């Protein structure tokens, strides 16, 4: 059995992690960490776990976590992860980090977009970006996985086949994405209060969203070229899910059927990618680890439609996917399909 600890256990992604791992035949959850006062049982923070797991949420230091766990899922905010990950690795734990702290290789880019100097620069060069579908060979042997974000996973998976085959221009790509409210996390914020976001649909972080440089970096790795996207996120009054409508520029005309065939070939053997003939909706992939994608044309403009569950394929689900690959388990083990 692999002993697993989860940091940031009070959040939505942590709840999904716990629910998945409770069904994993090779996992024992041995520690849940949070800074909640009084070490409350996890079911007080997540009542849906009542009767399913008997652990308290403790304020644990790195040494205590390493004594109890072989692998740690860090579901902490950015900056908080980089303050503890070095100690966890030094203590012999492997880490899957769900924050953005180890996704961007350039510390100057991290500081520009996150407003904080990176304190673990050397590991930016050695962390492995954990999106299995784009063919990252270092995942099984990795000690530190930078788990991708939800908007980034949607955008990267939607565009990778076209950029890898040099079928679209690497600049001028428009990504119009919409997310459910859980994507903003569980901490109270004015714009996610019910009376603020219910029956309302709004853009936010226009031109400043932190996922943009991550999308550009990873897609640049896919195609070996400099990639520029215009990424505009929107908040939709629903619990979960992401839908992205993406407008790339084809270098030359290619029939829709041929492009769909290309996507199916590119993602052949990838169990969580569904290349659809129909237009996917967020309900199709909700509560699953699937990524759904299709293509359409309006005159000569190619349009990509892509969906996933932001808490699963966009966070906890891909984290467990990475965990399975790290320990040699079937990639789909315990994951909702």
Protein backbone atom coordinates (compact mmCIF):
# COMPACT_ATOMS: atom_id res chain seq x y z
CA UNK A 1 0.00 0.00 0.00
CA UNK A 2 1.14 3.53 -0.76
CA UNK A 3 0.73 5.83 2.22
CA UNK A 4 -0.70 9.16 1.07
CA UNK A 5 -1.02 12.56 2.74
CA UNK A 6 -3.15 15.43 1.44
CA UNK A 7 -2.26 19.03 2.29
CA UNK A 8 -4.94 21.69 2.04
CA UNK A 9 -7.61 19.14 2.92
CA UNK A 10 -10.37 21.70 3.39
CA UNK A 11 -10.59 22.61 -0.33
CA UNK A 12 -12.72 21.32 -3.18
CA UNK A 13 -9.85 19.58 -5.00
CA UNK A 14 -8.84 17.82 -1.78
CA UNK A 15 -12.39 16.54 -1.33
CA UNK A 16 -12.30 15.04 -4.82
CA UNK A 17 -8.89 13.52 -4.10
CA UNK A 18 -10.15 11.89 -0.93
CA UNK A 19 -13.22 10.45 -2.66
CA UNK A 20 -11.11 8.98 -5.47
CA UNK A 21 -8.40 7.59 -3.20
CA UNK A 22 -10.90 5.93 -0.88
CA UNK A 23 -11.72 3.70 -3.85
CA UNK A 24 -8.08 3.04 -4.79
CA UNK A 25 -7.04 -0.51 -3.86
CA UNK A 26 -3.38 0.42 -3.37
CA UNK A 27 -3.74 3.60 -1.29
CA UNK A 28 -4.02 4.28 2.40
CA UNK A 29 -4.76 7.89 3.32
CA UNK A 30 -2.64 8.40 6.42
CA UNK A 31 -2.65 12.18 6.97
CA UNK A 32 -4.82 15.18 6.20
CA UNK A 33 -3.30 18.59 6.82
CA UNK A 34 -4.95 21.97 7.17
CA UNK A 35 -4.54 25.04 9.34
CA UNK A 36 -8.08 24.81 10.69
CA UNK A 37 -8.08 25.30 14.45
CA UNK A 38 -8.83 22.40 16.75
CA UNK A 39 -7.95 19.50 14.40
CA UNK A 40 -11.53 18.91 13.25
CA UNK A 41 -12.48 15.53 11.77
CA UNK A 42 -12.57 15.71 8.00
CA UNK A 43 -16.33 15.11 7.90
CA UNK A 44 -16.87 18.43 9.70
CA UNK A 45 -15.26 20.21 6.77
CA UNK A 46 -16.71 17.89 4.12
CA UNK A 47 -19.96 16.34 5.45
CA UNK A 48 -20.23 14.04 2.41
CA UNK A 49 -17.31 12.07 3.90
CA UNK A 50 -19.20 11.22 7.09
CA UNK A 51 -18.74 7.53 7.88
CA UNK A 52 -16.25 7.03 5.06
CA UNK A 53 -12.94 8.14 6.59
CA UNK A 54 -11.95 8.60 10.22
CA UNK A 55 -9.13 11.12 10.13
CA UNK A 56 -8.69 14.54 11.69
CA UNK A 57 -7.34 17.53 9.81
CA UNK A 58 -4.11 18.47 11.58
CA UNK A 59 -1.64 21.32 11.35
CA UNK A 60 1.38 19.14 10.51
CA UNK A 61 4.95 20.10 9.75
CA UNK A 62 6.97 18.48 6.97
CA UNK A 63 8.76 16.02 9.25
CA UNK A 64 5.46 14.75 10.68
CA UNK A 65 4.03 14.34 7.19
CA UNK A 66 7.10 12.43 5.96
CA UNK A 67 6.87 10.07 8.94
CA UNK A 68 3.37 9.08 7.84
CA UNK A 69 3.41 9.22 4.04
CA UNK A 70 5.22 8.00 0.94
CA UNK A 71 3.56 10.51 -1.39
CA UNK A 72 2.01 13.90 -0.71
CA UNK A 73 -0.69 15.64 -2.72
CA UNK A 74 -0.21 19.39 -2.14
CA UNK A 75 -3.56 21.07 -2.68
CA UNK A 76 -2.25 24.35 -1.30
CA UNK A 77 -2.40 27.89 -2.74
CA UNK A 78 0.54 29.14 -4.78
CA UNK A 79 3.48 30.34 -2.67
CA UNK A 80 2.40 28.04 0.19
CA UNK A 81 3.50 24.96 -1.78
CA UNK A 82 7.04 26.14 -2.47
CA UNK A 83 7.54 26.74 1.25
CA UNK A 84 7.03 23.08 2.15
CA UNK A 85 7.77 21.02 -0.99
CA UNK A 86 11.59 21.16 -0.56
CA UNK A 87 11.27 19.77 2.97
CA UNK A 88 8.92 17.01 1.84
CA UNK A 89 11.31 15.94 -0.90
CA UNK A 90 14.27 16.07 1.48
CA UNK A 91 12.30 13.85 3.86
CA UNK A 92 11.89 11.17 1.19
CA UNK A 93 8.34 11.88 0.03
CA UNK A 94 7.28 12.10 -3.58
CA UNK A 95 5.03 15.07 -4.33
CA UNK A 96 2.18 15.87 -6.70
CA UNK A 97 1.72 19.64 -6.41
CA UNK A 98 -1.67 20.99 -7.48
CA UNK A 99 -0.61 24.62 -7.13
CA UNK A 100 1.09 26.68 -9.83
CA UNK A 101 4.40 26.89 -7.97
CA UNK A 102 6.33 24.43 -10.13
CA UNK A 103 4.61 24.77 -13.51
CA UNK A 104 6.52 27.74 -14.95
CA UNK A 105 10.21 27.15 -15.69
CA UNK A 106 11.24 30.82 -15.74
CA UNK A 107 11.26 32.36 -12.24
CA UNK A 108 10.90 35.84 -13.73
CA UNK A 109 7.69 34.79 -15.48
CA UNK A 110 6.42 33.27 -12.23
CA UNK A 111 7.16 36.49 -10.33
CA UNK A 112 5.52 38.65 -12.99
CA UNK A 113 2.25 36.69 -13.05
CA UNK A 114 2.04 35.60 -9.40
CA UNK A 115 3.53 38.67 -7.75
CA UNK A 116 6.00 36.72 -5.61
CA UNK A 117 9.64 35.79 -6.03
CA UNK A 118 10.14 32.04 -6.36
CA UNK A 119 12.15 30.56 -3.50
CA UNK A 120 12.91 27.12 -5.01
CA UNK A 121 14.29 28.08 -8.42
CA UNK A 122 16.40 24.98 -9.02
CA UNK A 123 13.38 22.69 -8.89
CA UNK A 124 11.63 24.70 -11.59
CA UNK A 125 14.15 23.10 -13.97
CA UNK A 126 13.55 19.54 -12.77
CA UNK A 127 9.84 19.31 -11.94
CA UNK A 128 7.77 17.30 -14.42
CA UNK A 129 4.63 18.81 -15.94
CA UNK A 130 1.94 16.22 -15.29
CA UNK A 131 -0.37 16.13 -18.28
CA UNK A 132 -0.04 12.50 -19.45
CA UNK A 133 -1.84 12.96 -22.76
CA UNK A 134 0.88 15.19 -24.21
CA UNK A 135 3.46 12.46 -23.81
CA UNK A 136 5.53 13.51 -20.81
CA UNK A 137 7.98 10.60 -20.42
CA UNK A 138 9.32 11.67 -17.03
CA UNK A 139 6.14 11.12 -15.02
CA UNK A 140 6.79 7.51 -13.81
CA UNK A 141 10.22 8.31 -12.35
CA UNK A 142 9.39 11.80 -11.07
CA UNK A 143 9.66 12.83 -7.43
CA UNK A 144 7.91 16.16 -8.10
CA UNK A 145 4.96 16.52 -10.45
CA UNK A 146 3.63 19.97 -11.35
CA UNK A 147 -0.04 19.16 -11.74
CA UNK A 148 -1.62 21.30 -14.48
CA UNK A 149 -4.41 23.80 -14.01
CA UNK A 150 -7.97 23.32 -15.23
CA UNK A 151 -8.07 26.06 -17.88
CA UNK A 152 -4.61 25.05 -19.05
CA UNK A 153 -5.50 21.36 -19.43
CA UNK A 154 -8.55 22.29 -21.49
CA UNK A 155 -6.63 24.64 -23.75
CA UNK A 156 -3.50 22.52 -24.16
CA UNK A 157 -5.35 19.29 -24.97
CA UNK A 158 -7.60 21.14 -27.41
CA UNK A 159 -4.70 22.64 -29.37
CA UNK A 160 -1.84 20.14 -29.04
CA UNK A 161 -2.67 17.92 -32.04
CA UNK A 162 -2.82 20.88 -34.42
CA UNK A 163 0.35 22.55 -33.15
CA UNK A 164 2.25 19.27 -33.06
CA UNK A 165 1.48 18.78 -36.76
CA UNK A 166 2.17 22.46 -37.60
CA UNK A 167 -1.34 22.86 -39.01
CA UNK A 168 -2.14 26.17 -37.31
CA UNK A 169 -0.37 29.47 -36.73
CA UNK A 170 1.27 29.45 -33.27
CA UNK A 171 0.22 33.06 -32.62
CA UNK A 172 -3.11 34.85 -32.72
CA UNK A 173 -4.95 31.94 -31.04
CA UNK A 174 -8.13 33.06 -29.26
CA UNK A 175 -9.30 31.04 -26.23
CA UNK A 176 -12.74 31.95 -24.88
CA UNK A 177 -13.23 29.83 -21.74
CA UNK A 178 -15.98 29.52 -19.13
CA UNK A 179 -15.71 27.90 -15.72
CA UNK A 180 -18.02 26.97 -12.89
CA UNK A 181 -17.72 28.73 -9.55
CA UNK A 182 -15.78 25.91 -7.86
CA UNK A 183 -12.83 26.87 -10.05
CA UNK A 184 -12.36 29.91 -7.80
CA UNK A 185 -11.76 27.69 -4.77
CA UNK A 186 -13.62 27.37 -1.49
CA UNK A 187 -12.38 30.50 0.28
CA UNK A 188 -15.10 33.20 0.33
CA UNK A 189 -14.71 35.90 -2.33
CA UNK A 190 -17.07 38.73 -3.18
CA UNK A 191 -17.56 37.74 -6.83
CA UNK A 192 -18.41 34.12 -5.98
CA UNK A 193 -21.06 34.88 -3.35
CA UNK A 194 -24.43 33.51 -4.44
CA UNK A 195 -26.10 36.91 -4.76
CA UNK A 196 -23.20 38.18 -6.87
CA UNK A 197 -22.74 35.33 -9.35
CA UNK A 198 -26.20 33.74 -9.56
CA UNK A 199 -28.04 34.67 -12.77
CA UNK A 200 -24.91 36.50 -13.92
CA UNK A 201 -22.23 35.73 -16.49
CA UNK A 202 -18.99 37.68 -16.38
CA UNK A 203 -15.47 37.88 -17.76
CA UNK A 204 -12.62 38.29 -15.30
CA UNK A 205 -8.82 38.70 -15.23
CA UNK A 206 -8.95 39.86 -18.85
CA UNK A 207 -5.41 39.93 -20.19
CA UNK A 208 -3.98 39.12 -16.76
CA UNK A 209 -5.04 35.53 -16.01
CA UNK A 210 -2.17 33.47 -14.60
CA UNK A 211 -2.91 30.42 -16.73
CA UNK A 212 -1.95 32.24 -19.94
CA UNK A 213 1.86 31.85 -19.62
CA UNK A 214 1.40 28.22 -18.60
CA UNK A 215 -0.65 27.51 -21.73
CA UNK A 216 1.94 29.23 -23.91
CA UNK A 217 4.91 27.45 -22.30
CA UNK A 218 3.49 23.93 -22.61
CA UNK A 219 2.14 24.41 -26.13
CA UNK A 220 5.53 25.84 -27.10
CA UNK A 221 7.09 22.61 -25.88
CA UNK A 222 4.60 20.61 -27.93
CA UNK A 223 5.41 22.35 -31.23
CA UNK A 224 8.93 23.67 -30.68
CA UNK A 225 7.85 27.22 -31.53
CA UNK A 226 6.96 30.38 -29.65
CA UNK A 227 3.21 30.30 -28.94
CA UNK A 228 0.99 33.28 -28.12
CA UNK A 229 -2.64 33.03 -27.08
CA UNK A 230 -5.28 35.53 -26.07
CA UNK A 231 -6.98 33.85 -23.12
CA UNK A 232 -10.21 35.25 -21.68
CA UNK A 233 -11.87 33.40 -18.77
CA UNK A 234 -15.50 33.77 -17.72
CA UNK A 235 -17.41 32.86 -14.57
CA UNK A 236 -20.61 30.87 -15.12
CA UNK A 237 -23.18 30.36 -12.33
CA UNK A 238 -22.81 26.56 -12.14
CA UNK A 239 -20.94 24.38 -9.67
CA UNK A 240 -18.33 22.74 -11.90
CA UNK A 241 -17.10 22.29 -15.42
CA UNK A 242 -15.17 24.19 -18.09
CA UNK A 243 -16.13 24.83 -21.69
CA UNK A 244 -13.63 26.48 -24.03
CA UNK A 245 -14.32 27.78 -27.52
CA UNK A 246 -11.01 28.22 -29.32
CA UNK A 247 -10.25 30.00 -32.59
CA UNK A 248 -6.92 29.07 -34.20
CA UNK A 249 -5.84 30.00 -37.74
CA UNK A 250 -5.20 27.10 -40.09
CA UNK A 251 -2.10 27.41 -42.27
CA UNK A 252 -4.01 25.83 -45.16
CA UNK A 253 -7.51 24.35 -45.62
CA UNK A 254 -8.04 20.88 -44.09
CA UNK A 255 -11.41 19.08 -44.13
CA UNK A 256 -13.20 18.70 -40.80
CA UNK A 257 -13.31 14.90 -41.10
CA UNK A 258 -9.55 14.78 -41.63
CA UNK A 259 -8.93 16.94 -38.57
CA UNK A 260 -11.15 14.73 -36.39
CA UNK A 261 -9.23 11.71 -37.64
CA UNK A 262 -5.97 13.47 -36.73
CA UNK A 263 -7.23 14.08 -33.17
CA UNK A 264 -8.26 10.45 -32.78
CA UNK A 265 -4.86 9.28 -33.98
CA UNK A 266 -3.00 11.76 -31.76
CA UNK A 267 -4.92 10.65 -28.68
CA UNK A 268 -5.02 6.95 -29.56
CA UNK A 269 -4.47 4.92 -26.41
CA UNK A 270 -5.30 7.89 -24.17
CA UNK A 271 -8.26 6.58 -22.16
CA UNK A 272 -9.55 9.91 -20.90
CA UNK A 273 -9.76 11.80 -24.20
CA UNK A 274 -13.00 11.55 -26.18
CA UNK A 275 -12.97 13.07 -29.65
CA UNK A 276 -16.65 13.68 -30.32
CA UNK A 277 -18.74 14.01 -33.43
CA UNK A 278 -21.36 15.93 -31.44
CA UNK A 279 -20.94 19.24 -29.63
CA UNK A 280 -19.92 18.34 -26.06
CA UNK A 281 -21.42 20.02 -23.01
CA UNK A 282 -20.13 20.42 -19.47
CA UNK A 283 -22.69 17.90 -18.23
CA UNK A 284 -21.16 15.23 -20.47
CA UNK A 285 -17.85 15.28 -18.59
CA UNK A 286 -19.06 16.39 -15.14
CA UNK A 287 -18.00 14.06 -12.31
CA UNK A 288 -15.66 12.16 -14.68
CA UNK A 289 -12.01 12.36 -15.68
CA UNK A 290 -12.87 12.72 -19.38
CA UNK A 291 -11.75 15.50 -21.68
CA UNK A 292 -14.20 15.98 -24.58
CA UNK A 293 -13.33 17.81 -27.78
CA UNK A 294 -14.69 18.38 -31.26
CA UNK A 295 -14.13 20.68 -34.27
CA UNK A 296 -16.34 22.79 -36.50
CA UNK A 297 -15.95 25.37 -39.27
CA UNK A 298 -17.67 28.71 -39.78
CA UNK A 299 -16.76 29.58 -43.37
CA UNK A 300 -12.97 29.17 -43.21
CA UNK A 301 -12.62 29.74 -39.46
CA UNK A 302 -11.78 26.60 -37.48
CA UNK A 303 -13.54 26.41 -34.09
CA UNK A 304 -12.57 23.96 -31.34
CA UNK A 305 -15.06 23.12 -28.58
CA UNK A 306 -13.59 21.45 -25.48
CA UNK A 307 -14.97 20.46 -22.06
CA UNK A 308 -13.79 18.92 -18.82
CA UNK A 309 -14.64 18.81 -15.12
CA UNK A 310 -12.42 21.44 -13.52
CA UNK A 311 -12.22 19.56 -10.19
CA UNK A 312 -11.42 16.17 -11.72
CA UNK A 313 -9.61 16.19 -15.09
CA UNK A 314 -8.68 19.78 -14.25
CA UNK A 315 -7.27 19.01 -10.78
CA UNK A 316 -7.76 15.91 -8.59
CA UNK A 317 -8.43 13.43 -11.39
CA UNK A 318 -5.26 14.15 -13.35
CA UNK A 319 -3.36 14.20 -10.04
CA UNK A 320 -4.41 10.59 -9.42
CA UNK A 321 -3.67 9.78 -13.07
CA UNK A 322 -0.12 10.99 -12.41
CA UNK A 323 0.03 9.03 -9.15
CA UNK A 324 -0.98 5.85 -10.96
CA UNK A 325 1.76 6.32 -13.54
CA UNK A 326 4.33 7.09 -10.83
CA UNK A 327 3.65 3.78 -9.07
CA UNK A 328 3.06 1.57 -12.08
CA UNK A 329 -0.68 1.14 -11.58
CA UNK A 330 -3.15 1.18 -14.50
CA UNK A 331 -3.65 4.80 -15.52
CA UNK A 332 -7.42 4.59 -15.08
CA UNK A 333 -7.37 2.93 -11.62
CA UNK A 334 -10.01 4.36 -9.24
CA UNK A 335 -10.80 7.25 -11.59
CA UNK A 336 -14.42 8.05 -12.50
CA UNK A 337 -15.34 7.38 -16.11
